[in-house]
Amino acid sequence: MKHQAIVCLLLWLTFEPAPCMRIQTSQGSMVELPCYTSESDIPDAKITWTFNGQNISDTALSPGSAKHVKNGFYVSISSVSAASEGEYVCVAVWEQGKATTTYSLTVGYWFEDGNISNAHWFKETGVGKKTRLNTEEDDSGDAKIELVLPNDQDQTIMIKKINMWDAGVYICESAEGKRLNSLQLEVEALPKSSCKDLIEELQPCQDENSRTAEPTLQESMTEFAMKLYSHLKREEPLSNILFSPVSISAILSHLLLGATGDTHGALKRALCVPHDFNCVHSQMKKQKEKMGQSLKMGSQIYYNSQMNLSESFLSQSFEYYGAEPTKLLESSEENMRMINAWVANKTNNKITNIINDLSPNTQLILLNAVSFSGQWKFKFNDKPKKGLFVKFSGDMVRVPLIYNSKYMATMTYAPDLKAQVGRFALTGDNSLYILLPFGNKLSDLQQMEDRMTDGNVRQMIELVKAIPPQNLEVTLPQVKLDVEPNMKMLLKKLGLSSLFEGPSLCGLSSNNDLVLDDAKHKAFLALTERGVEAGAVTSLSFSRSFPTFSALRPFVLLLWSDQADVPLFIGRMLEP
């Protein structure tokens, strides 16, 4: 019999009408605080938030300050700092009453000299007695209790295969023995239900042709992109980064077609779309059509042959995402060949291998592959030229260059990002933005990255678009990135850990014990001096009478679809 785990945060004031929840986090992290347990509990409530007695607006006034998100149900604090510490109060008022929730946020408690001091988890075994829980990683994958995000400051635990004996009080303490938090776990046996009882009809998009549907998705995709970048820069602080937010959002939106209940809500929150926005799939289809000139993107789901995919999921997968979910074959070797062949076909052999190992017990594979090859609208010199790329350490690496002494491009300073920005036009109605931090120290890059919120990025793009291009002396390193970020980590960071445990995917299959086994994303991007639009002309003069834009040091690149007005790729070049 399946069981439902209900986790309630206790501060020994269980029946207090205005509970205070103590949150401790680290500088640079992102925090989202819900007003109450579920948005659906009080659908018509009027919500107001305050921070230390001051009202919170829909827009963060400065880095580290809070803003409303998702119709005010959450407040979001990006790049938490010491200024973020204090009391966050949510008041929800509806016809029958009022509820107040208070959060007390403190910053930096778990860090000493820049290192994480891990907390410890215990379970009460009697009055005044407790047993320490083992949260270390288990190579077998059968650990009962584990940290959701090991090697991270987040000390959230996951309890697998819940049973009645798991009920009780769980305590989190600092390494010094100070109680940080406590959880009451209640386990209730649920009546056995079939997927037929849970399936909901796909709500029609009423605003498909309105002026609001497309901007809503554009803003959501930008917010989603910057959330992904924020997670990846913390996971890989000293490595190159490349990912395609539009591809990852497409595969999660595809999965959304089959999600029900809590999983449906979690996916929408992860994708940063409003809970009442029903135009995700139709707008994703339109976006893909707009980006189709230059972006080669494929999304696919492979599933175990014992599953029975629903007819509605099959038809909608093809209608909105051009995908026909495919059954896995008999052997792991056959499946790897089939999947890698699909990837090679979808990326024009830019990416030929994404699966190196596959468990014979695999039930479901979430897979996407993206390839982009941009062509400059203005010609660069095709004569080989090399220069020195200066790393943060001061080491210099000799690299092939892209150079032109009189290149038509836009250059400006973006004060909100504290970055020098260059915009380079590409064919297919796309633009490459290169963001250079103010100085060539790691702290300068980190400061710029902390300011890369969705709002600041969109403001930067509008600022640069308003400036006419001019002749610049441009020096860029040749860019070739082939990166496979940790999708499992990203899904967990996005609040989708349940996909690996017991998601509600009744709209996908009648198998109500379906779990996600693996998730992959691989991105390739190449920009060289070739691939020039016919008729472009360039002078070979080496006059230095023009302003210069040189990216021979670490930078962030943003590949933007001007037609769809969404980010296609985001990357970071630290090691050429």
Protein backbone atom coordinates (compact mmCIF):
# COMPACT_ATOMS: atom_id res chain seq x y z
CA MET A 1 0.00 0.00 0.00
CA LYS A 2 1.28 3.45 -0.89
CA HIS A 3 1.71 6.06 1.83
CA GLN A 4 1.64 9.81 1.82
CA ALA A 5 4.31 11.73 3.72
CA ILE A 6 3.02 14.96 5.27
CA VAL A 7 5.89 17.11 6.54
CA CYS A 8 4.96 19.85 9.01
CA LEU A 9 7.47 22.38 10.29
CA LEU A 10 7.25 22.60 14.08
CA LEU A 11 8.75 25.24 16.31
CA TRP A 12 7.05 23.90 19.38
CA LEU A 13 4.19 26.35 18.73
CA THR A 14 2.04 24.05 16.62
CA PHE A 15 -1.24 25.87 17.21
CA GLU A 16 0.11 29.40 17.15
CA PRO A 17 -1.98 31.39 14.60
CA ALA A 18 1.10 33.23 13.30
CA PRO A 19 3.89 30.62 13.22
CA CYS A 20 7.45 31.87 12.88
CA MET A 21 9.64 29.78 10.61
CA ARG A 22 13.37 30.19 11.07
CA ILE A 23 15.31 29.99 7.83
CA GLN A 24 19.11 29.91 7.75
CA THR A 25 20.97 30.17 4.47
CA SER A 26 24.25 31.29 2.95
CA GLN A 27 25.29 34.42 1.11
CA GLY A 28 24.71 34.24 -2.64
CA SER A 29 21.92 31.66 -2.38
CA MET A 30 18.36 32.07 -3.69
CA VAL A 31 15.36 31.73 -1.36
CA GLU A 32 11.65 31.48 -2.18
CA LEU A 33 9.18 31.75 0.71
CA PRO A 34 5.56 30.59 0.25
CA CYS A 35 2.73 32.46 1.95
CA TYR A 36 1.05 29.23 3.04
CA THR A 37 1.09 25.51 2.29
CA SER A 38 -0.50 25.45 -1.16
CA GLU A 39 -1.78 28.04 -3.63
CA SER A 40 -4.95 26.01 -4.09
CA ASP A 41 -5.84 26.08 -0.37
CA ILE A 42 -7.13 29.68 -0.47
CA PRO A 43 -7.47 30.48 -4.18
CA ASP A 44 -9.02 33.95 -3.80
CA ALA A 45 -6.91 35.29 -0.93
CA LYS A 46 -5.50 38.81 -1.06
CA ILE A 47 -1.81 38.52 -0.16
CA THR A 48 0.53 41.19 1.20
CA TRP A 49 4.19 40.79 2.17
CA THR A 50 6.41 42.95 4.39
CA PHE A 51 10.12 42.85 5.21
CA ASN A 52 11.01 44.30 8.61
CA GLY A 53 7.74 46.22 8.47
CA GLN A 54 8.21 47.61 4.93
CA ASN A 55 5.99 46.51 2.03
CA ILE A 56 7.62 44.30 -0.62
CA SER A 57 7.01 45.23 -4.27
CA ASP A 58 6.85 43.17 -7.45
CA THR A 59 10.39 44.24 -8.38
CA ALA A 60 13.57 43.74 -6.39
CA LEU A 61 14.93 47.23 -5.73
CA SER A 62 18.51 46.03 -5.30
CA PRO A 63 20.48 42.75 -5.43
CA GLY A 64 19.52 40.62 -2.45
CA SER A 65 16.17 42.31 -1.86
CA ALA A 66 12.85 40.48 -2.06
CA LYS A 67 10.22 40.69 -4.78
CA HIS A 68 6.79 39.17 -5.37
CA VAL A 69 6.62 36.19 -7.73
CA LYS A 70 3.82 33.92 -8.91
CA ASN A 71 0.97 36.35 -8.20
CA GLY A 72 2.40 37.24 -4.80
CA PHE A 73 2.14 33.73 -3.36
CA TYR A 74 5.93 33.66 -2.99
CA VAL A 75 8.58 36.23 -2.24
CA SER A 76 11.87 35.55 -3.99
CA ILE A 77 15.27 36.70 -2.76
CA SER A 78 18.04 36.27 -5.34
CA SER A 79 21.67 36.43 -4.29
CA VAL A 80 20.98 36.58 -0.55
CA SER A 81 23.22 38.98 1.38
CA ALA A 82 23.51 40.24 4.94
CA ALA A 83 20.98 42.94 4.01
CA SER A 84 18.43 40.17 3.41
CA GLU A 85 18.37 39.20 7.09
CA GLY A 86 15.21 39.97 9.00
CA GLU A 87 11.52 39.19 9.34
CA TYR A 88 9.33 38.40 6.32
CA VAL A 89 5.60 38.46 7.08
CA CYS A 90 2.82 37.32 4.76
CA VAL A 91 -0.81 38.18 5.47
CA ALA A 92 -3.49 36.37 3.46
CA VAL A 93 -7.03 37.73 3.75
CA TRP A 94 -10.11 36.05 2.30
CA GLU A 95 -13.84 36.16 2.86
CA GLN A 96 -13.85 33.71 5.76
CA GLY A 97 -10.77 34.90 7.62
CA LYS A 98 -7.09 35.79 7.73
CA ALA A 99 -3.82 33.86 8.04
CA THR A 100 -0.37 35.21 8.90
CA THR A 101 2.96 33.49 8.27
CA THR A 102 6.25 34.85 9.59
CA TYR A 103 9.76 33.87 8.45
CA SER A 104 12.90 34.85 10.31
CA LEU A 105 15.82 34.75 7.84
CA THR A 106 19.44 34.67 8.98
CA VAL A 107 22.43 34.50 6.66
CA GLY A 108 25.75 32.73 6.81
CA TYR A 109 25.38 30.59 9.97
CA TRP A 110 26.69 27.41 8.39
CA PHE A 111 29.87 28.94 7.01
CA GLU A 112 33.18 29.30 8.80
CA ASP A 113 36.20 30.68 6.92
CA GLY A 114 34.39 30.08 3.64
CA ASN A 115 33.84 26.35 4.29
CA ILE A 116 30.58 24.52 4.84
CA SER A 117 30.07 23.24 8.36
CA ASN A 118 27.52 20.48 7.76
CA ALA A 119 24.52 20.13 9.98
CA HIS A 120 23.48 16.79 11.50
CA TRP A 121 20.05 15.17 11.45
CA PHE A 122 18.55 13.16 14.33
CA LYS A 123 15.30 11.30 14.98
CA GLU A 124 13.68 11.32 18.40
CA THR A 125 13.46 7.82 19.87
CA GLY A 126 11.97 8.71 23.24
CA VAL A 127 11.77 11.46 25.82
CA GLY A 128 15.14 13.19 25.74
CA LYS A 129 16.55 10.52 23.41
CA LYS A 130 17.58 10.78 19.78
CA THR A 131 19.47 8.80 17.14
CA ARG A 132 21.74 10.41 14.58
CA LEU A 133 20.77 9.69 10.97
CA ASN A 134 23.28 8.70 8.32
CA THR A 135 22.91 11.12 5.39
CA GLU A 136 26.10 10.10 3.58
CA GLU A 137 25.87 9.15 -0.08
CA ASP A 138 25.34 5.45 -0.74
CA ASP A 139 26.85 4.07 -3.96
CA SER A 140 24.18 1.39 -4.08
CA GLY A 141 21.46 4.02 -4.43
CA ASP A 142 19.42 2.24 -1.74
CA ALA A 143 20.08 4.67 1.13
CA LYS A 144 16.95 5.23 3.20
CA ILE A 145 17.79 8.85 4.05
CA GLU A 146 20.02 11.13 2.01
CA LEU A 147 20.71 14.81 1.43
CA VAL A 148 18.79 16.11 -1.56
CA LEU A 149 21.81 18.20 -2.62
CA PRO A 150 25.05 16.70 -1.23
CA ASN A 151 28.13 18.96 -1.39
CA ASP A 152 25.85 21.99 -1.12
CA GLN A 153 24.92 24.29 1.76
CA ASP A 154 21.32 23.07 1.47
CA GLN A 155 20.74 20.51 4.25
CA THR A 156 17.35 19.27 3.04
CA ILE A 157 16.92 15.52 3.46
CA MET A 158 14.90 13.01 1.47
CA ILE A 159 13.33 9.96 3.11
CA LYS A 160 12.80 7.15 0.60
CA LYS A 161 10.19 4.41 0.58
CA ILE A 162 8.13 5.92 3.39
CA ASN A 163 6.42 3.50 5.77
CA MET A 164 4.51 3.86 9.03
CA TRP A 165 7.69 3.41 11.10
CA ASP A 166 9.19 6.58 9.65
CA ALA A 167 6.68 8.80 11.46
CA GLY A 168 8.13 10.95 14.23
CA VAL A 169 10.13 14.06 15.06
CA TYR A 170 13.28 14.84 13.07
CA ILE A 171 15.80 17.39 14.40
CA CYS A 172 18.47 19.31 12.51
CA GLU A 173 21.40 20.58 14.59
CA SER A 174 24.53 22.52 13.74
CA ALA A 175 27.92 20.86 14.10
CA GLU A 176 28.19 22.71 17.44
CA GLY A 177 24.97 21.12 18.73
CA LYS A 178 22.63 24.11 18.30
CA ARG A 179 19.11 23.17 17.21
CA LEU A 180 18.41 24.72 13.81
CA ASN A 181 15.10 23.16 12.91
CA SER A 182 12.66 20.38 13.67
CA LEU A 183 10.22 18.46 11.52
CA GLN A 184 7.19 16.39 12.40
CA LEU A 185 6.68 13.58 9.90
CA GLU A 186 3.19 12.12 9.80
CA VAL A 187 2.45 9.12 7.60
CA GLU A 188 -1.05 8.34 6.45
CA ALA A 189 -2.11 5.30 4.47
CA LEU A 190 -3.88 6.41 1.32
CA PRO A 191 -6.71 4.49 -0.27
CA LYS A 192 -5.55 2.75 -3.41
CA SER A 193 -6.50 4.93 -6.35
CA SER A 194 -6.13 4.50 -10.07
CA CYS A 195 -4.71 7.02 -12.46
CA LYS A 196 -8.16 7.30 -13.97
CA ASP A 197 -9.26 9.22 -10.88
CA LEU A 198 -6.38 11.68 -11.14
CA ILE A 199 -6.22 12.55 -14.83
CA GLU A 200 -7.30 16.09 -15.64
CA GLU A 201 -8.20 17.38 -19.06
CA LEU A 202 -5.70 19.79 -20.63
CA GLN A 203 -7.17 23.22 -20.05
CA PRO A 204 -7.61 25.20 -23.29
CA CYS A 205 -5.52 28.30 -23.93
CA GLN A 206 -8.03 31.14 -23.85
CA ASP A 207 -5.39 33.82 -24.48
CA GLU A 208 -3.60 32.15 -27.39
CA ASN A 209 -4.11 35.10 -29.73
CA SER A 210 -3.99 37.80 -27.08
CA ARG A 211 -1.13 40.20 -26.48
CA THR A 212 -0.37 38.73 -23.06
CA ALA A 213 0.29 35.03 -23.77
CA GLU A 214 3.57 35.46 -25.66
CA PRO A 215 5.13 38.04 -23.27
CA THR A 216 4.14 35.85 -20.31
CA LEU A 217 6.09 32.90 -21.70
CA GLN A 218 9.02 35.12 -22.74
CA GLU A 219 9.37 36.53 -19.23
CA SER A 220 8.98 33.08 -17.68
CA MET A 221 11.66 31.61 -19.94
CA THR A 222 14.10 34.40 -19.11
CA GLU A 223 13.48 33.96 -15.38
CA PHE A 224 13.91 30.19 -15.80
CA ALA A 225 17.16 30.70 -17.74
CA MET A 226 18.71 32.92 -15.09
CA LYS A 227 17.61 30.54 -12.35
CA LEU A 228 19.43 27.70 -14.14
CA TYR A 229 22.54 29.84 -14.60
CA SER A 230 22.48 30.78 -10.92
CA HIS A 231 22.47 27.09 -9.93
CA LEU A 232 25.17 26.11 -12.43
CA LYS A 233 27.59 28.92 -11.52
CA ARG A 234 27.49 27.78 -7.90
CA GLU A 235 27.91 24.11 -8.85
CA GLU A 236 30.79 24.89 -11.27
CA PRO A 237 32.44 28.08 -9.93
CA LEU A 238 35.67 27.64 -11.91
CA SER A 239 34.55 25.81 -15.07
CA ASN A 240 33.18 26.63 -18.47
CA ILE A 241 29.38 26.58 -18.65
CA LEU A 242 27.02 26.07 -21.55
CA PHE A 243 23.36 25.14 -21.55
CA SER A 244 20.24 25.80 -23.56
CA PRO A 245 17.43 27.05 -21.30
CA VAL A 246 14.97 26.88 -24.17
CA SER A 247 15.71 23.18 -24.66
CA ILE A 248 15.47 22.30 -20.97
CA SER A 249 12.22 24.23 -20.63
CA ALA A 250 10.88 22.43 -23.71
CA ILE A 251 11.50 18.96 -22.27
CA LEU A 252 10.01 19.89 -18.89
CA SER A 253 6.99 21.41 -20.63
CA HIS A 254 6.69 18.18 -22.63
CA LEU A 255 6.63 16.24 -19.36
CA LEU A 256 4.05 18.71 -18.04
CA LEU A 257 1.60 17.26 -20.59
CA GLY A 258 1.50 14.04 -18.57
CA ALA A 259 1.82 15.46 -15.06
CA THR A 260 -1.03 15.59 -12.57
CA GLY A 261 -1.56 16.76 -9.00
CA ASP A 262 1.46 17.99 -7.07
CA THR A 263 3.85 17.09 -9.89
CA HIS A 264 1.95 19.35 -12.29
CA GLY A 265 2.22 22.25 -9.83
CA ALA A 266 5.92 21.58 -9.13
CA LEU A 267 6.74 21.58 -12.85
CA LYS A 268 4.93 24.88 -13.40
CA ARG A 269 6.78 26.45 -10.47
CA ALA A 270 10.09 25.12 -11.80
CA LEU A 271 9.33 26.59 -15.23
CA CYS A 272 8.47 29.95 -13.63
CA VAL A 273 5.06 30.10 -15.33
CA PRO A 274 1.94 31.37 -13.49
CA HIS A 275 -0.18 28.56 -12.05
CA ASP A 276 -3.22 29.72 -14.04
CA PHE A 277 -1.34 30.09 -17.36
CA ASN A 278 -2.73 27.43 -19.71
CA CYS A 279 -0.91 28.49 -22.89
CA VAL A 280 2.44 26.85 -22.15
CA HIS A 281 2.26 24.18 -24.84
CA SER A 282 0.80 26.26 -27.66
CA GLN A 283 3.26 29.09 -26.97
CA MET A 284 6.21 26.68 -26.78
CA LYS A 285 5.23 25.42 -30.23
CA LYS A 286 5.14 28.97 -31.60
CA GLN A 287 8.50 29.78 -30.03
CA LYS A 288 10.10 26.71 -31.58
CA GLU A 289 8.76 27.69 -35.01
CA LYS A 290 10.23 31.19 -34.65
CA MET A 291 13.63 29.83 -33.63
CA GLY A 292 13.70 27.07 -36.25
CA GLN A 293 15.92 28.88 -38.77
CA SER A 294 19.08 28.43 -36.75
CA LEU A 295 18.31 26.28 -33.69
CA LYS A 296 18.39 22.50 -34.10
CA MET A 297 16.49 21.13 -31.14
CA GLY A 298 15.03 17.74 -30.38
CA SER A 299 13.12 16.50 -27.32
CA GLN A 300 12.29 12.88 -26.69
CA ILE A 301 11.02 10.48 -24.06
CA TYR A 302 12.07 6.82 -24.07
CA TYR A 303 10.02 4.47 -21.91
CA ASN A 304 9.85 0.86 -20.77
CA SER A 305 7.85 -1.44 -23.04
CA GLN A 306 5.63 -2.50 -20.12
CA MET A 307 4.23 1.02 -19.86
CA ASN A 308 1.02 1.98 -21.62
CA LEU A 309 1.28 5.60 -22.72
CA SER A 310 -2.04 7.39 -22.91
CA GLU A 311 -3.43 8.25 -26.33
CA SER A 312 -3.89 11.90 -25.37
CA PHE A 313 -0.22 12.19 -24.32
CA LEU A 314 0.90 10.61 -27.58
CA SER A 315 -1.19 12.93 -29.75
CA GLN A 316 -0.33 16.09 -27.77
CA SER A 317 3.38 15.20 -27.74
CA PHE A 318 3.35 15.16 -31.51
CA GLU A 319 1.07 18.21 -31.86
CA TYR A 320 3.02 20.55 -29.58
CA TYR A 321 6.57 19.13 -29.49
CA GLY A 322 6.88 17.10 -32.69
CA ALA A 323 7.88 14.06 -30.64
CA GLU A 324 6.66 10.50 -30.66
CA PRO A 325 7.75 8.80 -27.41
CA THR A 326 9.63 5.61 -28.19
CA LYS A 327 9.72 2.26 -26.41
CA LEU A 328 13.07 1.02 -25.16
CA LEU A 329 14.48 -2.12 -26.75
CA GLU A 330 15.45 -5.42 -25.13
CA SER A 331 19.11 -4.77 -24.28
CA SER A 332 21.02 -1.83 -22.85
CA GLU A 333 23.44 -1.90 -25.80
CA GLU A 334 20.59 -1.61 -28.32
CA ASN A 335 19.06 1.25 -26.37
CA MET A 336 22.33 3.18 -26.20
CA ARG A 337 22.83 2.82 -29.96
CA MET A 338 19.24 3.89 -30.64
CA ILE A 339 19.39 6.94 -28.36
CA ASN A 340 22.81 8.11 -29.53
CA ALA A 341 21.74 7.71 -33.18
CA TRP A 342 18.70 9.88 -32.48
CA VAL A 343 20.91 12.54 -30.87
CA ALA A 344 23.34 12.52 -33.82
CA ASN A 345 20.45 12.88 -36.27
CA LYS A 346 18.86 15.78 -34.37
CA THR A 347 22.12 17.71 -34.05
CA ASN A 348 23.57 17.09 -37.53
CA ASN A 349 26.31 14.99 -35.89
CA LYS A 350 27.45 17.91 -33.70
CA ILE A 351 26.70 15.65 -30.73
CA THR A 352 27.05 11.91 -31.33
CA ASN A 353 27.12 10.43 -27.84
CA ILE A 354 25.06 11.30 -24.78
CA ILE A 355 24.39 7.87 -23.21
CA ASN A 356 27.38 5.78 -22.12
CA ASP A 357 25.64 3.53 -19.65
CA LEU A 358 22.04 2.46 -19.20
CA SER A 359 20.51 0.33 -16.47
CA PRO A 360 18.42 -2.63 -17.70
CA ASN A 361 15.79 -1.54 -15.16
CA THR A 362 15.33 1.89 -16.74
CA GLN A 363 11.67 2.91 -16.85
CA LEU A 364 11.79 6.39 -18.34
CA ILE A 365 14.48 8.58 -19.91
CA LEU A 366 14.08 12.33 -20.27
CA LEU A 367 16.36 13.44 -23.09
CA ASN A 368 17.13 16.54 -25.11
CA ALA A 369 19.89 17.65 -27.47
CA VAL A 370 20.58 21.07 -28.95
CA SER A 371 22.95 22.36 -31.59
CA PHE A 372 23.49 25.92 -32.80
CA SER A 373 25.85 27.17 -35.47
CA GLY A 374 25.77 30.94 -35.79
CA GLN A 375 26.90 32.92 -38.80
CA TRP A 376 28.16 36.48 -38.52
CA LYS A 377 26.22 39.07 -40.51
CA PHE A 378 29.47 40.96 -41.08
CA LYS A 379 32.62 39.24 -42.19
CA PHE A 380 35.63 38.67 -39.96
CA ASN A 381 39.13 38.25 -41.32
CA ASP A 382 39.69 34.67 -42.44
CA LYS A 383 43.46 34.95 -42.13
CA PRO A 384 44.65 32.89 -39.11
CA LYS A 385 45.56 35.06 -36.16
CA LYS A 386 46.44 34.19 -32.57
CA GLY A 387 46.51 36.09 -29.31
CA LEU A 388 46.82 35.62 -25.56
CA PHE A 389 43.79 34.86 -23.35
CA VAL A 390 44.49 36.03 -19.76
CA LYS A 391 42.95 33.84 -17.05
CA PHE A 392 42.07 34.94 -13.50
CA SER A 393 45.32 33.41 -12.24
CA GLY A 394 47.32 35.65 -14.56
CA ASP A 395 48.31 32.68 -16.72
CA MET A 396 48.16 33.38 -20.45
CA VAL A 397 46.95 30.88 -23.04
CA ARG A 398 47.62 31.28 -26.76
CA VAL A 399 44.30 31.01 -28.63
CA PRO A 400 43.05 31.42 -32.23
CA LEU A 401 41.27 34.74 -32.69
CA ILE A 402 38.32 36.23 -34.50
CA TYR A 403 39.44 39.73 -35.51
CA ASN A 404 38.33 42.75 -37.50
CA SER A 405 39.67 46.27 -37.24
CA LYS A 406 36.38 47.87 -38.42
CA TYR A 407 33.55 45.57 -37.38
CA MET A 408 29.96 46.84 -37.18
CA ALA A 409 28.75 46.02 -33.68
CA THR A 410 27.28 47.65 -30.57
CA MET A 411 29.25 48.25 -27.40
CA THR A 412 28.14 49.90 -24.17
CA TYR A 413 28.40 49.74 -20.39
CA ALA A 414 25.48 48.14 -18.53
CA PRO A 415 25.45 49.75 -15.05
CA ASP A 416 22.93 47.27 -13.57
CA LEU A 417 25.28 44.41 -14.42
CA LYS A 418 28.55 46.32 -13.89
CA ALA A 419 29.69 44.92 -17.22
CA GLN A 420 30.93 45.98 -20.62
CA VAL A 421 28.55 44.53 -23.20
CA GLY A 422 29.11 43.84 -26.89
CA ARG A 423 26.29 42.83 -29.25
CA PHE A 424 27.10 40.99 -32.47
CA ALA A 425 24.40 40.34 -35.06
CA LEU A 426 23.98 36.77 -36.34
CA THR A 427 21.97 35.30 -39.16
CA GLY A 428 18.57 33.83 -38.39
CA ASP A 429 17.60 36.97 -36.47
CA ASN A 430 19.81 36.17 -33.48
CA SER A 431 22.34 38.15 -31.46
CA LEU A 432 25.40 37.18 -29.49
CA TYR A 433 25.95 39.23 -26.34
CA ILE A 434 29.33 39.10 -24.65
CA LEU A 435 29.45 40.36 -21.06
CA LEU A 436 32.84 41.38 -19.71
CA PRO A 437 33.17 42.05 -15.97
CA PHE A 438 34.64 45.38 -14.90
CA GLY A 439 37.97 43.82 -13.88
CA ASN A 440 39.82 40.57 -14.45
CA LYS A 441 39.45 39.07 -10.99
CA LEU A 442 37.18 36.18 -10.01
CA SER A 443 35.34 38.48 -7.59
CA ASP A 444 34.56 40.85 -10.50
CA LEU A 445 32.97 38.00 -12.47
CA GLN A 446 31.02 36.81 -9.43
CA GLN A 447 29.70 40.31 -8.78
CA MET A 448 28.53 40.55 -12.39
CA GLU A 449 26.93 37.11 -12.25
CA ASP A 450 25.10 37.95 -9.03
CA ARG A 451 23.52 40.89 -10.84
CA MET A 452 22.38 38.76 -13.78
CA THR A 453 18.73 38.58 -12.78
CA ASP A 454 16.04 38.11 -15.42
CA GLY A 455 14.99 41.74 -15.04
CA ASN A 456 18.52 43.12 -15.37
CA VAL A 457 19.27 40.94 -18.39
CA ARG A 458 16.14 42.04 -20.26
CA GLN A 459 16.88 45.69 -19.38
CA MET A 460 20.42 45.24 -20.70
CA ILE A 461 19.10 43.86 -23.99
CA GLU A 462 16.68 46.77 -24.41
CA LEU A 463 19.50 49.22 -23.60
CA VAL A 464 21.86 47.73 -26.18
CA LYS A 465 19.19 47.45 -28.88
CA ALA A 466 18.51 51.19 -28.59
CA ILE A 467 22.15 52.01 -29.42
CA PRO A 468 23.10 52.08 -33.13
CA PRO A 469 26.05 49.87 -34.15
CA GLN A 470 29.39 51.48 -34.91
CA ASN A 471 32.78 50.52 -36.32
CA LEU A 472 34.77 48.73 -33.60
CA GLU A 473 38.09 46.98 -33.49
CA VAL A 474 36.89 43.56 -32.31
CA THR A 475 39.06 40.77 -30.92
CA LEU A 476 37.35 37.58 -29.75
CA PRO A 477 38.67 34.12 -29.01
CA GLN A 478 37.22 31.41 -31.19
CA VAL A 479 34.41 29.81 -29.17
CA LYS A 480 33.82 26.08 -29.15
CA LEU A 481 31.96 24.68 -26.19
CA ASP A 482 30.68 21.13 -25.73
CA VAL A 483 29.25 20.79 -22.24
CA GLU A 484 26.98 18.34 -20.42
CA PRO A 485 25.67 19.93 -17.20
CA ASN A 486 24.39 17.79 -14.34
CA MET A 487 20.68 17.58 -15.13
CA LYS A 488 19.85 15.53 -12.05
CA MET A 489 21.33 18.27 -9.86
CA LEU A 490 19.43 20.95 -11.80
CA LEU A 491 16.11 19.13 -11.45
CA LYS A 492 16.62 18.83 -7.71
CA LYS A 493 17.60 22.50 -7.47
CA LEU A 494 14.40 23.35 -9.35
CA GLY A 495 12.32 21.58 -6.69
CA LEU A 496 11.69 18.47 -8.79
CA SER A 497 13.27 15.79 -6.59
CA SER A 498 9.93 13.97 -6.52
CA LEU A 499 10.40 13.03 -10.19
CA PHE A 500 13.00 10.49 -9.03
CA GLU A 501 10.85 9.14 -6.18
CA GLY A 502 7.14 8.99 -6.94
CA PRO A 503 5.79 11.61 -9.33
CA SER A 504 2.19 11.85 -10.40
CA LEU A 505 2.38 11.26 -14.16
CA CYS A 506 -1.04 9.77 -14.69
CA GLY A 507 -1.60 11.80 -17.83
CA LEU A 508 1.41 10.05 -19.34
CA SER A 509 0.74 6.46 -18.33
CA SER A 510 -1.64 4.42 -16.23
CA ASN A 511 1.40 3.01 -14.39
CA ASN A 512 1.14 4.89 -11.10
CA ASP A 513 4.53 3.63 -9.87
CA LEU A 514 6.49 5.42 -12.58
CA VAL A 515 9.72 7.20 -11.58
CA LEU A 516 12.29 9.16 -13.57
CA ASP A 517 15.47 7.13 -13.95
CA ASP A 518 17.77 9.53 -15.77
CA ALA A 519 17.86 13.02 -17.26
CA LYS A 520 20.39 14.30 -19.80
CA HIS A 521 21.15 17.60 -21.46
CA LYS A 522 24.08 18.29 -23.75
CA ALA A 523 24.75 21.53 -25.59
CA PHE A 524 27.19 22.41 -28.35
CA LEU A 525 28.02 25.88 -29.64
CA ALA A 526 30.62 26.92 -32.19
CA LEU A 527 31.36 30.44 -33.39
CA THR A 528 34.31 30.92 -35.74
CA GLU A 529 35.44 33.41 -38.37
CA ARG A 530 33.58 31.41 -41.06
CA GLY A 531 29.89 31.13 -41.90
CA VAL A 532 29.50 34.60 -43.37
CA GLU A 533 26.39 35.98 -45.01
CA ALA A 534 26.98 36.50 -48.76
CA GLY A 535 27.81 40.05 -49.79
CA ALA A 536 29.31 41.20 -46.51
CA VAL A 537 32.36 43.38 -46.99
CA THR A 538 35.26 44.05 -44.65
CA SER A 539 38.26 46.35 -44.86
CA LEU A 540 41.64 44.79 -44.14
CA SER A 541 43.02 48.06 -42.81
CA PHE A 542 44.56 47.89 -39.33
CA SER A 543 43.69 51.44 -38.38
CA ARG A 544 43.33 51.91 -34.61
CA SER A 545 41.21 55.03 -34.80
CA PHE A 546 38.09 53.08 -33.70
CA PRO A 547 36.89 52.02 -30.24
CA THR A 548 37.96 48.51 -29.26
CA PHE A 549 36.14 45.50 -27.85
CA SER A 550 38.44 42.70 -26.74
CA ALA A 551 37.26 39.54 -24.97
CA LEU A 552 40.64 37.97 -24.29
CA ARG A 553 39.75 37.29 -20.67
CA PRO A 554 36.92 35.38 -18.91
CA PHE A 555 33.45 36.39 -20.05
CA VAL A 556 29.81 35.35 -20.15
CA LEU A 557 28.05 34.85 -23.48
CA LEU A 558 24.34 35.07 -24.11
CA LEU A 559 22.88 33.84 -27.39
CA TRP A 560 19.52 35.52 -27.85
CA SER A 561 16.73 34.95 -30.35
CA ASP A 562 15.60 38.41 -31.43
CA GLN A 563 12.63 36.88 -33.25
CA ALA A 564 11.32 34.88 -30.26
CA ASP A 565 12.82 37.30 -27.65
CA VAL A 566 14.14 34.49 -25.46
CA PRO A 567 17.62 33.19 -24.53
CA LEU A 568 18.78 30.20 -26.59
CA PHE A 569 22.12 29.54 -24.88
CA ILE A 570 23.96 30.90 -21.90
CA GLY A 571 27.64 30.16 -21.46
CA ARG A 572 30.72 31.14 -19.53
CA MET A 573 34.26 30.99 -20.92
CA LEU A 574 36.91 30.64 -18.24
CA GLU A 575 39.18 28.05 -19.88
CA PRO A 576 39.66 28.47 -23.65
